[in-house]
Amino acid sequence: MTKLLAALIAGLFSAAVFAQATPATPATPATPAAAAASAKKDDKAAAKTEKKEEKAAAKDAKKDDKAAAKDAKKDAKKDDKAAKKDEKKS
């Protein structure tokens, strides 16, 4: 019986200790991390824009090259026709 009474008293003391424990303080939001995240987001957006501009410039350059090649081909055909006309006249 004394052991049972000692266990109950020990249980009451331990319950009292846990009841008096201070609760954990709530976490405050980290504002620097939010600022860093928004800066990172801005960097991504800028990089994406630069990539699009580079792609567009490459596409335009390719288009110009094709047009120049096409013009050169037309000029070569005209020269060939002119050479054939000169041969026929001679």
PDB file of N, CA and C in Angstrom:
ATOM      1  N   MET A   1       0.816  -1.185   0.000  1.00  0.00           N
ATOM      2  CA  MET A   1       0.000   0.000   0.000  1.00  0.00           C
ATOM      3  C   MET A   1       0.870   1.262   0.000  1.00  0.00           C
ATOM      4  N   THR A   2       1.914   1.227   0.724  1.00  0.00           N
ATOM      5  CA  THR A   2       2.780   2.407   0.780  1.00  0.00           C
ATOM      6  C   THR A   2       3.441   2.650  -0.579  1.00  0.00           C
ATOM      7  N   LYS A   3       3.731   1.555  -1.270  1.00  0.00           N
ATOM      8  CA  LYS A   3       4.337   1.707  -2.598  1.00  0.00           C
ATOM      9  C   LYS A   3       3.338   2.360  -3.560  1.00  0.00           C
ATOM     10  N   LEU A   4       2.077   1.956  -3.456  1.00  0.00           N
ATOM     11  CA  LEU A   4       1.042   2.531  -4.304  1.00  0.00           C
ATOM     12  C   LEU A   4       0.863   4.005  -3.997  1.00  0.00           C
ATOM     13  N   LEU A   5       0.849   4.352  -2.735  1.00  0.00           N
ATOM     14  CA  LEU A   5       0.708   5.737  -2.326  1.00  0.00           C
ATOM     15  C   LEU A   5       1.914   6.557  -2.782  1.00  0.00           C
ATOM     16  N   ALA A   6       3.110   5.997  -2.712  1.00  0.00           N
ATOM     17  CA  ALA A   6       4.315   6.697  -3.150  1.00  0.00           C
ATOM     18  C   ALA A   6       4.271   6.913  -4.669  1.00  0.00           C
ATOM     19  N   ALA A   7       3.793   5.952  -5.437  1.00  0.00           N
ATOM     20  CA  ALA A   7       3.700   6.080  -6.892  1.00  0.00           C
ATOM     21  C   ALA A   7       2.695   7.161  -7.275  1.00  0.00           C
ATOM     22  N   LEU A   8       1.546   7.223  -6.560  1.00  0.00           N
ATOM     23  CA  LEU A   8       0.542   8.251  -6.846  1.00  0.00           C
ATOM     24  C   LEU A   8       1.079   9.651  -6.541  1.00  0.00           C
ATOM     25  N   ILE A   9       1.777   9.798  -5.438  1.00  0.00           N
ATOM     26  CA  ILE A   9       2.335  11.106  -5.071  1.00  0.00           C
ATOM     27  C   ILE A   9       3.402  11.518  -6.099  1.00  0.00           C
ATOM     28  N   ALA A  10       4.238  10.571  -6.516  1.00  0.00           N
ATOM     29  CA  ALA A  10       5.260  10.868  -7.518  1.00  0.00           C
ATOM     30  C   ALA A  10       4.594  11.283  -8.832  1.00  0.00           C
ATOM     31  N   GLY A  11       3.495  10.631  -9.176  1.00  0.00           N
ATOM     32  CA  GLY A  11       2.749  10.976 -10.389  1.00  0.00           C
ATOM     33  C   GLY A  11       2.189  12.377 -10.314  1.00  0.00           C
ATOM     34  N   LEU A  12       1.675  12.765  -9.120  1.00  0.00           N
ATOM     35  CA  LEU A  12       1.144  14.107  -8.950  1.00  0.00           C
ATOM     36  C   LEU A  12       2.246  15.157  -9.100  1.00  0.00           C
ATOM     37  N   PHE A  13       3.406  14.874  -8.495  1.00  0.00           N
ATOM     38  CA  PHE A  13       4.517  15.812  -8.634  1.00  0.00           C
ATOM     39  C   PHE A  13       4.957  15.964 -10.097  1.00  0.00           C
ATOM     40  N   SER A  14       5.041  14.841 -10.791  1.00  0.00           N
ATOM     41  CA  SER A  14       5.481  14.931 -12.198  1.00  0.00           C
ATOM     42  C   SER A  14       4.442  15.666 -13.058  1.00  0.00           C
ATOM     43  N   ALA A  15       3.154  15.465 -12.755  1.00  0.00           N
ATOM     44  CA  ALA A  15       2.101  16.174 -13.483  1.00  0.00           C
ATOM     45  C   ALA A  15       2.182  17.663 -13.210  1.00  0.00           C
ATOM     46  N   ALA A  16       2.492  18.040 -11.988  1.00  0.00           N
ATOM     47  CA  ALA A  16       2.604  19.445 -11.628  1.00  0.00           C
ATOM     48  C   ALA A  16       3.788  20.090 -12.354  1.00  0.00           C
ATOM     49  N   VAL A  17       4.881  19.345 -12.494  1.00  0.00           N
ATOM     50  CA  VAL A  17       6.054  19.870 -13.191  1.00  0.00           C
ATOM     51  C   VAL A  17       5.741  20.113 -14.657  1.00  0.00           C
ATOM     52  N   PHE A  18       5.064  19.169 -15.286  1.00  0.00           N
ATOM     53  CA  PHE A  18       4.725  19.333 -16.707  1.00  0.00           C
ATOM     54  C   PHE A  18       3.718  20.452 -16.920  1.00  0.00           C
ATOM     55  N   ALA A  19       2.840  20.651 -15.972  1.00  0.00           N
ATOM     56  CA  ALA A  19       1.833  21.691 -16.104  1.00  0.00           C
ATOM     57  C   ALA A  19       2.462  23.077 -16.010  1.00  0.00           C
ATOM     58  N   GLN A  20       3.559  23.189 -15.269  1.00  0.00           N
ATOM     59  CA  GLN A  20       4.197  24.482 -15.100  1.00  0.00           C
ATOM     60  C   GLN A  20       5.196  24.815 -16.219  1.00  0.00           C
ATOM     61  N   ALA A  21       5.455  23.874 -17.090  1.00  0.00           N
ATOM     62  CA  ALA A  21       6.420  24.120 -18.169  1.00  0.00           C
ATOM     63  C   ALA A  21       5.904  25.229 -19.068  1.00  0.00           C
ATOM     64  N   THR A  22       6.808  26.121 -19.484  1.00  0.00           N
ATOM     65  CA  THR A  22       6.392  27.235 -20.348  1.00  0.00           C
ATOM     66  C   THR A  22       6.137  26.718 -21.760  1.00  0.00           C
ATOM     67  N   PRO A  23       5.079  27.182 -22.376  1.00  0.00           N
ATOM     68  CA  PRO A  23       4.798  26.721 -23.741  1.00  0.00           C
ATOM     69  C   PRO A  23       5.829  27.313 -24.708  1.00  0.00           C
ATOM     70  N   ALA A  24       6.036  26.635 -25.794  1.00  0.00           N
ATOM     71  CA  ALA A  24       6.978  27.090 -26.812  1.00  0.00           C
ATOM     72  C   ALA A  24       6.462  28.385 -27.429  1.00  0.00           C
ATOM     73  N   THR A  25       7.365  29.317 -27.672  1.00  0.00           N
ATOM     74  CA  THR A  25       6.957  30.582 -28.271  1.00  0.00           C
ATOM     75  C   THR A  25       6.681  30.352 -29.760  1.00  0.00           C
ATOM     76  N   PRO A  26       5.666  30.983 -30.286  1.00  0.00           N
ATOM     77  CA  PRO A  26       5.365  30.784 -31.706  1.00  0.00           C
ATOM     78  C   PRO A  26       6.478  31.374 -32.579  1.00  0.00           C
ATOM     79  N   ALA A  27       6.730  30.731 -33.666  1.00  0.00           N
ATOM     80  CA  ALA A  27       7.784  31.175 -34.584  1.00  0.00           C
ATOM     81  C   ALA A  27       7.357  32.453 -35.281  1.00  0.00           C
ATOM     82  N   THR A  28       8.284  33.376 -35.394  1.00  0.00           N
ATOM     83  CA  THR A  28       8.004  34.616 -36.114  1.00  0.00           C
ATOM     84  C   THR A  28       8.385  34.414 -37.573  1.00  0.00           C
ATOM     85  N   PRO A  29       7.641  34.979 -38.490  1.00  0.00           N
ATOM     86  CA  PRO A  29       7.971  34.792 -39.907  1.00  0.00           C
ATOM     87  C   PRO A  29       9.313  35.449 -40.243  1.00  0.00           C
ATOM     88  N   ALA A  30      10.073  34.777 -41.029  1.00  0.00           N
ATOM     89  CA  ALA A  30      11.384  35.274 -41.429  1.00  0.00           C
ATOM     90  C   ALA A  30      11.238  36.185 -42.632  1.00  0.00           C
ATOM     91  N   THR A  31      11.359  37.459 -42.440  1.00  0.00           N
ATOM     92  CA  THR A  31      11.212  38.405 -43.537  1.00  0.00           C
ATOM     93  C   THR A  31      12.406  38.395 -44.482  1.00  0.00           C
ATOM     94  N   PRO A  32      13.642  38.205 -44.013  1.00  0.00           N
ATOM     95  CA  PRO A  32      14.752  38.174 -44.980  1.00  0.00           C
ATOM     96  C   PRO A  32      14.619  37.029 -45.979  1.00  0.00           C
ATOM     97  N   ALA A  33      14.110  35.896 -45.541  1.00  0.00           N
ATOM     98  CA  ALA A  33      13.937  34.776 -46.464  1.00  0.00           C
ATOM     99  C   ALA A  33      12.903  35.124 -47.531  1.00  0.00           C
ATOM    100  N   ALA A  34      11.883  35.832 -47.142  1.00  0.00           N
ATOM    101  CA  ALA A  34      10.864  36.232 -48.116  1.00  0.00           C
ATOM    102  C   ALA A  34      11.464  37.206 -49.124  1.00  0.00           C
ATOM    103  N   ALA A  35      12.302  38.110 -48.640  1.00  0.00           N
ATOM    104  CA  ALA A  35      12.936  39.063 -49.542  1.00  0.00           C
ATOM    105  C   ALA A  35      13.877  38.343 -50.492  1.00  0.00           C
ATOM    106  N   ALA A  36      14.600  37.355 -49.964  1.00  0.00           N
ATOM    107  CA  ALA A  36      15.519  36.591 -50.806  1.00  0.00           C
ATOM    108  C   ALA A  36      14.741  35.787 -51.839  1.00  0.00           C
ATOM    109  N   ALA A  37      13.604  35.256 -51.429  1.00  0.00           N
ATOM    110  CA  ALA A  37      12.790  34.478 -52.366  1.00  0.00           C
ATOM    111  C   ALA A  37      12.262  35.371 -53.490  1.00  0.00           C
ATOM    112  N   SER A  38      11.845  36.578 -53.140  1.00  0.00           N
ATOM    113  CA  SER A  38      11.330  37.475 -54.186  1.00  0.00           C
ATOM    114  C   SER A  38      12.468  37.929 -55.101  1.00  0.00           C
ATOM    115  N   ALA A  39      13.661  38.123 -54.532  1.00  0.00           N
ATOM    116  CA  ALA A  39      14.808  38.503 -55.365  1.00  0.00           C
ATOM    117  C   ALA A  39      15.169  37.364 -56.315  1.00  0.00           C
ATOM    118  N   LYS A  40      15.100  36.141 -55.789  1.00  0.00           N
ATOM    119  CA  LYS A  40      15.398  34.977 -56.621  1.00  0.00           C
ATOM    120  C   LYS A  40      14.374  34.860 -57.750  1.00  0.00           C
ATOM    121  N   LYS A  41      13.127  35.140 -57.417  1.00  0.00           N
ATOM    122  CA  LYS A  41      12.056  35.086 -58.408  1.00  0.00           C
ATOM    123  C   LYS A  41      12.287  36.133 -59.495  1.00  0.00           C
ATOM    124  N   ASP A  42      12.717  37.330 -59.082  1.00  0.00           N
ATOM    125  CA  ASP A  42      13.006  38.394 -60.046  1.00  0.00           C
ATOM    126  C   ASP A  42      14.164  37.999 -60.952  1.00  0.00           C
ATOM    127  N   ASP A  43      15.191  37.370 -60.367  1.00  0.00           N
ATOM    128  CA  ASP A  43      16.333  36.920 -61.163  1.00  0.00           C
ATOM    129  C   ASP A  43      15.898  35.893 -62.197  1.00  0.00           C
ATOM    130  N   LYS A  44      15.024  34.987 -61.777  1.00  0.00           N
ATOM    131  CA  LYS A  44      14.530  33.972 -62.717  1.00  0.00           C
ATOM    132  C   LYS A  44      13.768  34.628 -63.856  1.00  0.00           C
ATOM    133  N   ALA A  45      12.941  35.597 -63.526  1.00  0.00           N
ATOM    134  CA  ALA A  45      12.147  36.276 -64.547  1.00  0.00           C
ATOM    135  C   ALA A  45      13.059  37.017 -65.521  1.00  0.00           C
ATOM    136  N   ALA A  46      14.094  37.664 -64.990  1.00  0.00           N
ATOM    137  CA  ALA A  46      15.028  38.390 -65.851  1.00  0.00           C
ATOM    138  C   ALA A  46      15.786  37.428 -66.760  1.00  0.00           C
ATOM    139  N   ALA A  47      16.198  36.300 -66.201  1.00  0.00           N
ATOM    140  CA  ALA A  47      16.916  35.309 -67.002  1.00  0.00           C
ATOM    141  C   ALA A  47      16.016  34.752 -68.100  1.00  0.00           C
ATOM    142  N   LYS A  48      14.768  34.535 -67.758  1.00  0.00           N
ATOM    143  CA  LYS A  48      13.819  34.008 -68.740  1.00  0.00           C
ATOM    144  C   LYS A  48      13.606  35.013 -69.875  1.00  0.00           C
ATOM    145  N   THR A  49      13.508  36.284 -69.525  1.00  0.00           N
ATOM    146  CA  THR A  49      13.323  37.323 -70.525  1.00  0.00           C
ATOM    147  C   THR A  49      14.543  37.413 -71.439  1.00  0.00           C
ATOM    148  N   GLU A  50      15.734  37.356 -70.832  1.00  0.00           N
ATOM    149  CA  GLU A  50      16.960  37.399 -71.634  1.00  0.00           C
ATOM    150  C   GLU A  50      17.013  36.216 -72.596  1.00  0.00           C
ATOM    151  N   LYS A  51      16.626  35.063 -72.109  1.00  0.00           N
ATOM    152  CA  LYS A  51      16.656  33.864 -72.945  1.00  0.00           C
ATOM    153  C   LYS A  51      15.701  34.008 -74.129  1.00  0.00           C
ATOM    154  N   LYS A  52      14.521  34.568 -73.857  1.00  0.00           N
ATOM    155  CA  LYS A  52      13.555  34.785 -74.938  1.00  0.00           C
ATOM    156  C   LYS A  52      14.109  35.756 -75.971  1.00  0.00           C
ATOM    157  N   GLU A  53      14.751  36.816 -75.486  1.00  0.00           N
ATOM    158  CA  GLU A  53      15.316  37.810 -76.407  1.00  0.00           C
ATOM    159  C   GLU A  53      16.424  37.194 -77.254  1.00  0.00           C
ATOM    160  N   GLU A  54      17.268  36.376 -76.633  1.00  0.00           N
ATOM    161  CA  GLU A  54      18.337  35.707 -77.384  1.00  0.00           C
ATOM    162  C   GLU A  54      17.763  34.775 -78.441  1.00  0.00           C
ATOM    163  N   LYS A  55      16.712  34.060 -78.060  1.00  0.00           N
ATOM    164  CA  LYS A  55      16.061  33.149 -79.003  1.00  0.00           C
ATOM    165  C   LYS A  55      15.490  33.920 -80.187  1.00  0.00           C
ATOM    166  N   ALA A  56      14.839  35.036 -79.882  1.00  0.00           N
ATOM    167  CA  ALA A  56      14.242  35.846 -80.937  1.00  0.00           C
ATOM    168  C   ALA A  56      15.328  36.405 -81.856  1.00  0.00           C
ATOM    169  N   ALA A  57      16.446  36.845 -81.279  1.00  0.00           N
ATOM    170  CA  ALA A  57      17.545  37.376 -82.085  1.00  0.00           C
ATOM    171  C   ALA A  57      18.134  36.284 -82.978  1.00  0.00           C
ATOM    172  N   ALA A  58      18.287  35.083 -82.433  1.00  0.00           N
ATOM    173  CA  ALA A  58      18.817  33.972 -83.224  1.00  0.00           C
ATOM    174  C   ALA A  58      17.858  33.618 -84.355  1.00  0.00           C
ATOM    175  N   LYS A  59      16.570  33.666 -84.052  1.00  0.00           N
ATOM    176  CA  LYS A  59      15.566  33.360 -85.071  1.00  0.00           C
ATOM    177  C   LYS A  59      15.602  34.394 -86.193  1.00  0.00           C
ATOM    178  N   ASP A  60      15.725  35.665 -85.812  1.00  0.00           N
ATOM    179  CA  ASP A  60      15.805  36.729 -86.815  1.00  0.00           C
ATOM    180  C   ASP A  60      17.065  36.591 -87.669  1.00  0.00           C
ATOM    181  N   ALA A  61      18.175  36.268 -87.030  1.00  0.00           N
ATOM    182  CA  ALA A  61      19.433  36.106 -87.760  1.00  0.00           C
ATOM    183  C   ALA A  61      19.319  34.946 -88.751  1.00  0.00           C
ATOM    184  N   LYS A  62      18.685  33.871 -88.317  1.00  0.00           N
ATOM    185  CA  LYS A  62      18.504  32.709 -89.194  1.00  0.00           C
ATOM    186  C   LYS A  62      17.616  33.082 -90.381  1.00  0.00           C
ATOM    187  N   LYS A  63      16.578  33.855 -90.096  1.00  0.00           N
ATOM    188  CA  LYS A  63      15.655  34.290 -91.146  1.00  0.00           C
ATOM    189  C   LYS A  63      16.388  35.167 -92.158  1.00  0.00           C
ATOM    190  N   ASP A  64      17.225  36.077 -91.646  1.00  0.00           N
ATOM    191  CA  ASP A  64      18.001  36.955 -92.528  1.00  0.00           C
ATOM    192  C   ASP A  64      18.980  36.150 -93.389  1.00  0.00           C
ATOM    193  N   ASP A  65      19.607  35.144 -92.776  1.00  0.00           N
ATOM    194  CA  ASP A  65      20.541  34.298 -93.520  1.00  0.00           C
ATOM    195  C   ASP A  65      19.825  33.549 -94.641  1.00  0.00           C
ATOM    196  N   LYS A  66      18.633  33.052 -94.332  1.00  0.00           N
ATOM    197  CA  LYS A  66      17.862  32.346 -95.361  1.00  0.00           C
ATOM    198  C   LYS A  66      17.500  33.279 -96.506  1.00  0.00           C
ATOM    199  N   ALA A  67      17.087  34.499 -96.149  1.00  0.00           N
ATOM    200  CA  ALA A  67      16.711  35.470 -97.177  1.00  0.00           C
ATOM    201  C   ALA A  67      17.924  35.826 -98.032  1.00  0.00           C
ATOM    202  N   ALA A  68      19.083  35.991 -97.411  1.00  0.00           N
ATOM    203  CA  ALA A  68      20.301  36.324 -98.157  1.00  0.00           C
ATOM    204  C   ALA A  68      20.684  35.171 -99.083  1.00  0.00           C
ATOM    205  N   ALA A  69      20.556  33.946 -98.607  1.00  0.00           N
ATOM    206  CA  ALA A  69      20.879  32.790 -99.438  1.00  0.00           C
ATOM    207  C   ALA A  69      19.913  32.692-100.621  1.00  0.00           C
ATOM    208  N   LYS A  70      18.648  32.986-100.354  1.00  0.00           N
ATOM    209  CA  LYS A  70      17.652  32.947-101.413  1.00  0.00           C
ATOM    210  C   LYS A  70      17.952  34.002-102.476  1.00  0.00           C
ATOM    211  N   ASP A  71      18.321  35.206-102.040  1.00  0.00           N
ATOM    212  CA  ASP A  71      18.665  36.278-102.972  1.00  0.00           C
ATOM    213  C   ASP A  71      19.902  35.912-103.781  1.00  0.00           C
ATOM    214  N   ALA A  72      20.876  35.311-103.115  1.00  0.00           N
ATOM    215  CA  ALA A  72      22.101  34.907-103.815  1.00  0.00           C
ATOM    216  C   ALA A  72      21.779  33.852-104.868  1.00  0.00           C
ATOM    217  N   LYS A  73      20.867  32.963-104.548  1.00  0.00           N
ATOM    218  CA  LYS A  73      20.477  31.917-105.492  1.00  0.00           C
ATOM    219  C   LYS A  73      19.778  32.531-106.710  1.00  0.00           C
ATOM    220  N   LYS A  74      18.911  33.528-106.447  1.00  0.00           N
ATOM    221  CA  LYS A  74      18.222  34.201-107.550  1.00  0.00           C
ATOM    222  C   LYS A  74      19.227  34.918-108.453  1.00  0.00           C
ATOM    223  N   ASP A  75      20.196  35.586-107.837  1.00  0.00           N
ATOM    224  CA  ASP A  75      21.220  36.292-108.614  1.00  0.00           C
ATOM    225  C   ASP A  75      22.024  35.317-109.468  1.00  0.00           C
ATOM    226  N   ALA A  76      22.331  34.150-108.891  1.00  0.00           N
ATOM    227  CA  ALA A  76      23.096  33.149-109.635  1.00  0.00           C
ATOM    228  C   ALA A  76      22.293  32.660-110.837  1.00  0.00           C
ATOM    229  N   LYS A  77      20.992  32.468-110.663  1.00  0.00           N
ATOM    230  CA  LYS A  77      20.144  32.037-111.779  1.00  0.00           C
ATOM    231  C   LYS A  77      20.108  33.106-112.871  1.00  0.00           C
ATOM    232  N   LYS A  78      19.994  34.365-112.467  1.00  0.00           N
ATOM    233  CA  LYS A  78      19.983  35.445-113.447  1.00  0.00           C
ATOM    234  C   LYS A  78      21.295  35.485-114.219  1.00  0.00           C
ATOM    235  N   ASP A  79      22.393  35.305-113.522  1.00  0.00           N
ATOM    236  CA  ASP A  79      23.700  35.301-114.182  1.00  0.00           C
ATOM    237  C   ASP A  79      23.806  34.135-115.162  1.00  0.00           C
ATOM    238  N   ASP A  80      23.291  32.975-114.769  1.00  0.00           N
ATOM    239  CA  ASP A  80      23.320  31.813-115.655  1.00  0.00           C
ATOM    240  C   ASP A  80      22.493  32.072-116.920  1.00  0.00           C
ATOM    241  N   LYS A  81      21.323  32.668-116.739  1.00  0.00           N
ATOM    242  CA  LYS A  81      20.469  32.977-117.893  1.00  0.00           C
ATOM    243  C   LYS A  81      21.156  33.975-118.811  1.00  0.00           C
ATOM    244  N   ALA A  82      21.780  34.974-118.225  1.00  0.00           N
ATOM    245  CA  ALA A  82      22.479  35.979-119.022  1.00  0.00           C
ATOM    246  C   ALA A  82      23.644  35.344-119.770  1.00  0.00           C
ATOM    247  N   ALA A  83      24.348  34.435-119.132  1.00  0.00           N
ATOM    248  CA  ALA A  83      25.475  33.750-119.788  1.00  0.00           C
ATOM    249  C   ALA A  83      24.980  32.893-120.939  1.00  0.00           C
ATOM    250  N   LYS A  84      23.839  32.217-120.751  1.00  0.00           N
ATOM    251  CA  LYS A  84      23.291  31.388-121.832  1.00  0.00           C
ATOM    252  C   LYS A  84      22.854  32.252-123.020  1.00  0.00           C
ATOM    253  N   LYS A  85      22.272  33.428-122.728  1.00  0.00           N
ATOM    254  CA  LYS A  85      21.856  34.335-123.810  1.00  0.00           C
ATOM    255  C   LYS A  85      23.071  34.803-124.582  1.00  0.00           C
ATOM    256  N   ASP A  86      24.153  35.093-123.874  1.00  0.00           N
ATOM    257  CA  ASP A  86      25.380  35.539-124.535  1.00  0.00           C
ATOM    258  C   ASP A  86      25.966  34.440-125.414  1.00  0.00           C
ATOM    259  N   GLU A  87      25.863  33.182-124.964  1.00  0.00           N
ATOM    260  CA  GLU A  87      26.370  32.054-125.759  1.00  0.00           C
ATOM    261  C   GLU A  87      25.557  31.878-127.031  1.00  0.00           C
ATOM    262  N   LYS A  88      24.241  32.062-126.899  1.00  0.00           N
ATOM    263  CA  LYS A  88      23.384  31.897-128.068  1.00  0.00           C
ATOM    264  C   LYS A  88      23.651  32.996-129.093  1.00  0.00           C
ATOM    265  N   LYS A  89      23.944  34.190-128.649  1.00  0.00           N
ATOM    266  CA  LYS A  89      24.223  35.294-129.549  1.00  0.00           C
ATOM    267  C   LYS A  89      25.554  35.106-130.258  1.00  0.00           C
ATOM    268  N   SER A  90      26.489  34.448-129.614  1.00  0.00           N
ATOM    269  CA  SER A  90      27.819  34.308-130.199  1.00  0.00           C
ATOM    270  C   SER A  90      27.889  33.261-131.235  1.00  0.00           C
TER     271      SER A  90
END
